Amino acid sequence: MAFELPALPYPANALASKSMGQQTLELHHGKHHQAYVTALNGFVEKNEALQGKSLDEIVTLSHGKPDMAPVFNNAGQHWNHILFWQGLSPTGGGIPGALESKIVSDFGSVEAFKDAFKTAATTQFGSGWAWLVLGSDGKLKVTKTANGSNPLAEGSGTALLGLDVWEHSYYLDFQNRRPDYVTNFLDKLANYEFAAARLQQH
């Protein structure tokens, strides 16, 4: 069964008031994410070893194998974007009490968490992602990955939130001001309710 582009959990213009415009969403979701899905399906169609496998299985199976780099890049980006769209909200920015307590416990303060996340997102050279993850030790931490990689592939923990820092995710709205894009995400767009729900599941 072919992989499919998931529908956005909100209208394409729903984040415009939070500085993520409709054109950005239509290009990012409808063109970039769709391209990863289409390419991934093409690889699966040609490789019997991939057929019938879940997205998680393909991501972990292809990670670190040079001959499967194109498969990993597209599977990883499909996985990353599924999480990314859910991690955005028109009513984002507010941190639920249980998650806030956990953040304060593990980072020292909400501001310390945001500073760590900003550092990860702005120091990721070139394309990549910044993540809030629940580590195997039960503590929250911030990580970053290059290109299409992610915490699932690298075994760094369970991803609760991911921020795309590829230029196509912010250039129309913020031009080259990646730090402003990251701050806007943390303060106005991040779906901390979604992150809290994922935390509760683990």
C-alpha atoms as a PDB file:
ATOM      1  CA  MET A   1       0.000   0.000   0.000  1.00  0.00           C
ATOM      2  CA  ALA A   2       1.462   3.310  -1.094  1.00  0.00           C
ATOM      3  CA  PHE A   3       2.335   6.032   1.371  1.00  0.00           C
ATOM      4  CA  GLU A   4       0.134   9.114   1.193  1.00  0.00           C
ATOM      5  CA  LEU A   5       0.486  12.797   1.948  1.00  0.00           C
ATOM      6  CA  PRO A   6      -1.515  13.436   5.137  1.00  0.00           C
ATOM      7  CA  ALA A   7      -3.987  16.284   5.086  1.00  0.00           C
ATOM      8  CA  LEU A   8      -3.046  19.334   7.104  1.00  0.00           C
ATOM      9  CA  PRO A   9      -4.806  19.359  10.500  1.00  0.00           C
ATOM     10  CA  TYR A  10      -5.916  22.976   9.829  1.00  0.00           C
ATOM     11  CA  PRO A  11      -6.721  25.114   6.749  1.00  0.00           C
ATOM     12  CA  ALA A  12      -3.727  26.328   4.721  1.00  0.00           C
ATOM     13  CA  ASN A  13      -4.416  29.920   5.790  1.00  0.00           C
ATOM     14  CA  ALA A  14      -4.906  29.101   9.487  1.00  0.00           C
ATOM     15  CA  LEU A  15      -1.364  30.009  10.550  1.00  0.00           C
ATOM     16  CA  ALA A  16      -1.075  33.257   8.607  1.00  0.00           C
ATOM     17  CA  SER A  17      -1.846  35.404  11.645  1.00  0.00           C
ATOM     18  CA  LYS A  18       1.076  33.653  13.375  1.00  0.00           C
ATOM     19  CA  SER A  19       3.491  34.522  10.539  1.00  0.00           C
ATOM     20  CA  MET A  20       3.342  31.274   8.572  1.00  0.00           C
ATOM     21  CA  GLY A  21       1.554  32.294   5.401  1.00  0.00           C
ATOM     22  CA  GLN A  22      -0.762  30.311   3.166  1.00  0.00           C
ATOM     23  CA  GLN A  23       1.736  30.328   0.299  1.00  0.00           C
ATOM     24  CA  THR A  24       4.416  28.839   2.565  1.00  0.00           C
ATOM     25  CA  LEU A  25       2.080  26.055   3.676  1.00  0.00           C
ATOM     26  CA  GLU A  26       0.859  25.300   0.172  1.00  0.00           C
ATOM     27  CA  LEU A  27       4.401  25.061  -1.177  1.00  0.00           C
ATOM     28  CA  HIS A  28       5.853  23.253   1.824  1.00  0.00           C
ATOM     29  CA  HIS A  29       3.045  20.738   2.268  1.00  0.00           C
ATOM     30  CA  GLY A  30       1.663  20.412  -1.237  1.00  0.00           C
ATOM     31  CA  LYS A  31       4.962  20.522  -3.151  1.00  0.00           C
ATOM     32  CA  HIS A  32       7.931  19.654  -0.906  1.00  0.00           C
ATOM     33  CA  HIS A  33       6.281  17.051   1.337  1.00  0.00           C
ATOM     34  CA  GLN A  34       4.374  15.575  -1.615  1.00  0.00           C
ATOM     35  CA  ALA A  35       7.659  15.199  -3.504  1.00  0.00           C
ATOM     36  CA  TYR A  36       9.153  13.138  -0.649  1.00  0.00           C
ATOM     37  CA  VAL A  37       6.087  10.877  -0.609  1.00  0.00           C
ATOM     38  CA  THR A  38       6.135  10.405  -4.372  1.00  0.00           C
ATOM     39  CA  ALA A  39       9.850   9.602  -4.408  1.00  0.00           C
ATOM     40  CA  LEU A  40       9.529   7.191  -1.482  1.00  0.00           C
ATOM     41  CA  ASN A  41       6.720   5.314  -3.203  1.00  0.00           C
ATOM     42  CA  GLY A  42       8.894   5.013  -6.292  1.00  0.00           C
ATOM     43  CA  PHE A  43      11.719   3.445  -4.282  1.00  0.00           C
ATOM     44  CA  VAL A  44       9.363   1.031  -2.524  1.00  0.00           C
ATOM     45  CA  GLU A  45       7.833  -0.024  -5.818  1.00  0.00           C
ATOM     46  CA  LYS A  46      11.262  -0.997  -7.160  1.00  0.00           C
ATOM     47  CA  ASN A  47      12.558  -2.728  -4.013  1.00  0.00           C
ATOM     48  CA  GLU A  48      10.769  -5.827  -2.772  1.00  0.00           C
ATOM     49  CA  ALA A  49      12.661  -5.672   0.543  1.00  0.00           C
ATOM     50  CA  LEU A  50      10.813  -2.428   1.344  1.00  0.00           C
ATOM     51  CA  GLN A  51       7.347  -3.551   0.344  1.00  0.00           C
ATOM     52  CA  GLY A  52       4.908  -4.108   3.194  1.00  0.00           C
ATOM     53  CA  LYS A  53       7.127  -2.279   5.670  1.00  0.00           C
ATOM     54  CA  SER A  54       5.926   0.615   7.825  1.00  0.00           C
ATOM     55  CA  LEU A  55       7.436   4.071   7.521  1.00  0.00           C
ATOM     56  CA  ASP A  56       9.241   3.610  10.854  1.00  0.00           C
ATOM     57  CA  GLU A  57      10.710   0.329   9.624  1.00  0.00           C
ATOM     58  CA  ILE A  58      11.946   1.878   6.380  1.00  0.00           C
ATOM     59  CA  VAL A  59      13.520   4.816   8.241  1.00  0.00           C
ATOM     60  CA  THR A  60      15.445   2.560  10.624  1.00  0.00           C
ATOM     61  CA  LEU A  61      16.296  -0.031   7.953  1.00  0.00           C
ATOM     62  CA  SER A  62      17.773   2.509   5.535  1.00  0.00           C
ATOM     63  CA  HIS A  63      19.584   4.704   8.073  1.00  0.00           C
ATOM     64  CA  GLY A  64      23.373   4.716   7.792  1.00  0.00           C
ATOM     65  CA  LYS A  65      23.458   2.664   4.584  1.00  0.00           C
ATOM     66  CA  PRO A  66      25.084   4.621   1.742  1.00  0.00           C
ATOM     67  CA  ASP A  67      23.400   2.523  -0.929  1.00  0.00           C
ATOM     68  CA  MET A  68      20.010   3.347   0.584  1.00  0.00           C
ATOM     69  CA  ALA A  69      20.644   7.068   1.152  1.00  0.00           C
ATOM     70  CA  PRO A  70      17.967   8.221  -1.321  1.00  0.00           C
ATOM     71  CA  VAL A  71      15.417   5.936   0.363  1.00  0.00           C
ATOM     72  CA  PHE A  72      16.379   7.228   3.803  1.00  0.00           C
ATOM     73  CA  ASN A  73      16.301  10.881   2.751  1.00  0.00           C
ATOM     74  CA  ASN A  74      12.747  10.644   1.453  1.00  0.00           C
ATOM     75  CA  ALA A  75      11.419   8.295   4.156  1.00  0.00           C
ATOM     76  CA  GLY A  76      13.014  10.453   6.849  1.00  0.00           C
ATOM     77  CA  GLN A  77      11.537  13.630   5.441  1.00  0.00           C
ATOM     78  CA  HIS A  78       8.091  12.046   5.156  1.00  0.00           C
ATOM     79  CA  TRP A  79       8.338  10.942   8.817  1.00  0.00           C
ATOM     80  CA  ASN A  80       9.643  14.344   9.920  1.00  0.00           C
ATOM     81  CA  HIS A  81       6.922  16.301   8.169  1.00  0.00           C
ATOM     82  CA  ILE A  82       4.101  14.148   9.525  1.00  0.00           C
ATOM     83  CA  LEU A  83       5.278  15.202  12.991  1.00  0.00           C
ATOM     84  CA  PHE A  84       5.950  18.791  11.925  1.00  0.00           C
ATOM     85  CA  TRP A  85       2.405  19.532  10.715  1.00  0.00           C
ATOM     86  CA  GLN A  86       0.935  18.152  13.940  1.00  0.00           C
ATOM     87  CA  GLY A  87       3.394  20.212  15.959  1.00  0.00           C
ATOM     88  CA  LEU A  88       1.952  23.475  14.624  1.00  0.00           C
ATOM     89  CA  SER A  89      -1.306  25.046  15.757  1.00  0.00           C
ATOM     90  CA  PRO A  90      -3.277  28.248  15.099  1.00  0.00           C
ATOM     91  CA  THR A  91      -3.630  28.450  18.898  1.00  0.00           C
ATOM     92  CA  GLY A  92      -0.062  27.366  19.650  1.00  0.00           C
ATOM     93  CA  GLY A  93       2.443  28.757  22.104  1.00  0.00           C
ATOM     94  CA  GLY A  94       0.781  27.875  25.410  1.00  0.00           C
ATOM     95  CA  ILE A  95       2.438  25.092  27.404  1.00  0.00           C
ATOM     96  CA  PRO A  96       0.114  22.772  29.385  1.00  0.00           C
ATOM     97  CA  GLY A  97       0.856  22.488  33.095  1.00  0.00           C
ATOM     98  CA  ALA A  98       2.184  18.917  33.170  1.00  0.00           C
ATOM     99  CA  LEU A  99       4.564  19.546  30.262  1.00  0.00           C
ATOM    100  CA  GLU A 100       5.654  22.871  31.717  1.00  0.00           C
ATOM    101  CA  SER A 101       6.507  21.165  35.027  1.00  0.00           C
ATOM    102  CA  LYS A 102       8.535  18.547  33.164  1.00  0.00           C
ATOM    103  CA  ILE A 103      10.351  21.226  31.163  1.00  0.00           C
ATOM    104  CA  VAL A 104      11.196  23.177  34.318  1.00  0.00           C
ATOM    105  CA  SER A 105      12.360  19.990  36.045  1.00  0.00           C
ATOM    106  CA  ASP A 106      14.630  18.912  33.161  1.00  0.00           C
ATOM    107  CA  PHE A 107      15.848  22.257  31.783  1.00  0.00           C
ATOM    108  CA  GLY A 108      15.629  24.518  34.836  1.00  0.00           C
ATOM    109  CA  SER A 109      13.073  26.873  33.303  1.00  0.00           C
ATOM    110  CA  VAL A 110      10.921  27.361  30.221  1.00  0.00           C
ATOM    111  CA  GLU A 111      13.314  30.075  29.071  1.00  0.00           C
ATOM    112  CA  ALA A 112      16.268  27.686  29.390  1.00  0.00           C
ATOM    113  CA  PHE A 113      14.413  25.166  27.232  1.00  0.00           C
ATOM    114  CA  LYS A 114      13.631  27.801  24.605  1.00  0.00           C
ATOM    115  CA  ASP A 115      17.227  29.016  24.623  1.00  0.00           C
ATOM    116  CA  ALA A 116      18.487  25.455  24.110  1.00  0.00           C
ATOM    117  CA  PHE A 117      16.016  24.890  21.291  1.00  0.00           C
ATOM    118  CA  LYS A 118      16.920  28.198  19.613  1.00  0.00           C
ATOM    119  CA  THR A 119      20.604  27.319  19.814  1.00  0.00           C
ATOM    120  CA  ALA A 120      20.038  23.904  18.248  1.00  0.00           C
ATOM    121  CA  ALA A 121      17.826  25.295  15.483  1.00  0.00           C
ATOM    122  CA  THR A 122      20.056  28.226  14.587  1.00  0.00           C
ATOM    123  CA  THR A 123      23.383  26.358  14.756  1.00  0.00           C
ATOM    124  CA  GLN A 124      22.235  23.492  12.517  1.00  0.00           C
ATOM    125  CA  PHE A 125      24.397  24.339   9.513  1.00  0.00           C
ATOM    126  CA  GLY A 126      22.467  24.170   6.269  1.00  0.00           C
ATOM    127  CA  SER A 127      19.334  22.061   6.161  1.00  0.00           C
ATOM    128  CA  GLY A 128      18.002  20.037   9.057  1.00  0.00           C
ATOM    129  CA  TRP A 129      15.759  19.886  12.102  1.00  0.00           C
ATOM    130  CA  ALA A 130      15.615  20.816  15.787  1.00  0.00           C
ATOM    131  CA  TRP A 131      13.804  18.483  18.185  1.00  0.00           C
ATOM    132  CA  LEU A 132      12.344  18.274  21.660  1.00  0.00           C
ATOM    133  CA  VAL A 133      12.760  14.615  22.622  1.00  0.00           C
ATOM    134  CA  LEU A 134      12.140  12.369  25.580  1.00  0.00           C
ATOM    135  CA  GLY A 135      15.388  10.503  26.144  1.00  0.00           C
ATOM    136  CA  SER A 136      15.715   6.879  27.209  1.00  0.00           C
ATOM    137  CA  ASP A 137      16.641   8.172  30.679  1.00  0.00           C
ATOM    138  CA  GLY A 138      13.175   9.728  30.998  1.00  0.00           C
ATOM    139  CA  LYS A 139      14.463  13.297  30.682  1.00  0.00           C
ATOM    140  CA  LEU A 140      13.551  15.882  28.078  1.00  0.00           C
ATOM    141  CA  LYS A 141      16.352  17.172  25.887  1.00  0.00           C
ATOM    142  CA  VAL A 142      16.910  19.174  22.736  1.00  0.00           C
ATOM    143  CA  THR A 143      18.705  17.688  19.744  1.00  0.00           C
ATOM    144  CA  LYS A 144      19.299  18.574  16.120  1.00  0.00           C
ATOM    145  CA  THR A 145      19.692  16.486  12.990  1.00  0.00           C
ATOM    146  CA  ALA A 146      20.998  17.195   9.511  1.00  0.00           C
ATOM    147  CA  ASN A 147      18.962  17.006   6.328  1.00  0.00           C
ATOM    148  CA  GLY A 148      16.257  14.303   6.654  1.00  0.00           C
ATOM    149  CA  SER A 149      17.523  12.514   9.727  1.00  0.00           C
ATOM    150  CA  ASN A 150      15.540  12.321  12.962  1.00  0.00           C
ATOM    151  CA  PRO A 151      15.540  10.981  16.535  1.00  0.00           C
ATOM    152  CA  LEU A 152      13.961   7.686  15.443  1.00  0.00           C
ATOM    153  CA  ALA A 153      16.834   6.961  13.068  1.00  0.00           C
ATOM    154  CA  GLU A 154      19.543   8.107  15.464  1.00  0.00           C
ATOM    155  CA  GLY A 155      18.070   6.492  18.567  1.00  0.00           C
ATOM    156  CA  SER A 156      18.212   9.736  20.538  1.00  0.00           C
ATOM    157  CA  GLY A 157      14.735   9.420  22.051  1.00  0.00           C
ATOM    158  CA  THR A 158      11.062   9.894  21.318  1.00  0.00           C
ATOM    159  CA  ALA A 159      10.377  13.041  19.296  1.00  0.00           C
ATOM    160  CA  LEU A 160       7.755  15.284  20.908  1.00  0.00           C
ATOM    161  CA  LEU A 161       8.167  18.324  18.630  1.00  0.00           C
ATOM    162  CA  GLY A 162      10.221  18.920  15.524  1.00  0.00           C
ATOM    163  CA  LEU A 163      11.021  22.171  13.734  1.00  0.00           C
ATOM    164  CA  ASP A 164      12.001  22.172  10.078  1.00  0.00           C
ATOM    165  CA  VAL A 165      14.902  24.587   9.513  1.00  0.00           C
ATOM    166  CA  TRP A 166      15.265  23.952   5.792  1.00  0.00           C
ATOM    167  CA  GLU A 167      15.010  27.328   4.059  1.00  0.00           C
ATOM    168  CA  HIS A 168      11.802  26.391   2.234  1.00  0.00           C
ATOM    169  CA  SER A 169      10.010  26.272   5.594  1.00  0.00           C
ATOM    170  CA  TYR A 170      10.547  29.942   6.387  1.00  0.00           C
ATOM    171  CA  TYR A 171      12.037  31.926   3.517  1.00  0.00           C
ATOM    172  CA  LEU A 172       8.801  33.420   2.192  1.00  0.00           C
ATOM    173  CA  ASP A 173       7.815  34.654   5.653  1.00  0.00           C
ATOM    174  CA  PHE A 174      11.170  35.436   7.277  1.00  0.00           C
ATOM    175  CA  GLN A 175      13.687  35.586   4.402  1.00  0.00           C
ATOM    176  CA  ASN A 176      17.095  34.712   5.922  1.00  0.00           C
ATOM    177  CA  ARG A 177      16.058  35.430   9.532  1.00  0.00           C
ATOM    178  CA  ARG A 178      16.056  31.894  10.865  1.00  0.00           C
ATOM    179  CA  PRO A 179      16.331  33.038  14.524  1.00  0.00           C
ATOM    180  CA  ASP A 180      13.079  35.029  14.169  1.00  0.00           C
ATOM    181  CA  TYR A 181      11.362  32.003  12.607  1.00  0.00           C
ATOM    182  CA  VAL A 182      12.479  29.803  15.505  1.00  0.00           C
ATOM    183  CA  THR A 183      11.342  32.295  18.141  1.00  0.00           C
ATOM    184  CA  ASN A 184       7.993  32.683  16.392  1.00  0.00           C
ATOM    185  CA  PHE A 185       7.552  28.904  16.410  1.00  0.00           C
ATOM    186  CA  LEU A 186       8.330  28.523  20.103  1.00  0.00           C
ATOM    187  CA  ASP A 187       6.194  31.447  21.230  1.00  0.00           C
ATOM    188  CA  LYS A 188       3.230  31.393  18.828  1.00  0.00           C
ATOM    189  CA  LEU A 189       3.015  28.249  16.696  1.00  0.00           C
ATOM    190  CA  ALA A 190       4.309  25.267  18.678  1.00  0.00           C
ATOM    191  CA  ASN A 191       1.548  22.805  19.520  1.00  0.00           C
ATOM    192  CA  TYR A 192       2.644  21.990  23.057  1.00  0.00           C
ATOM    193  CA  GLU A 193      -0.663  20.159  23.600  1.00  0.00           C
ATOM    194  CA  PHE A 194       0.468  17.673  20.949  1.00  0.00           C
ATOM    195  CA  ALA A 195       3.877  17.366  22.619  1.00  0.00           C
ATOM    196  CA  ALA A 196       2.220  16.817  26.006  1.00  0.00           C
ATOM    197  CA  ALA A 197       0.028  14.068  24.554  1.00  0.00           C
ATOM    198  CA  ARG A 198       3.070  12.301  23.086  1.00  0.00           C
ATOM    199  CA  LEU A 199       4.847  12.633  26.434  1.00  0.00           C
ATOM    200  CA  GLN A 200       1.883  11.022  28.207  1.00  0.00           C
ATOM    201  CA  GLN A 201       2.076   8.028  25.888  1.00  0.00           C
ATOM    202  CA  HIS A 202       5.594   7.182  27.053  1.00  0.00           C
END
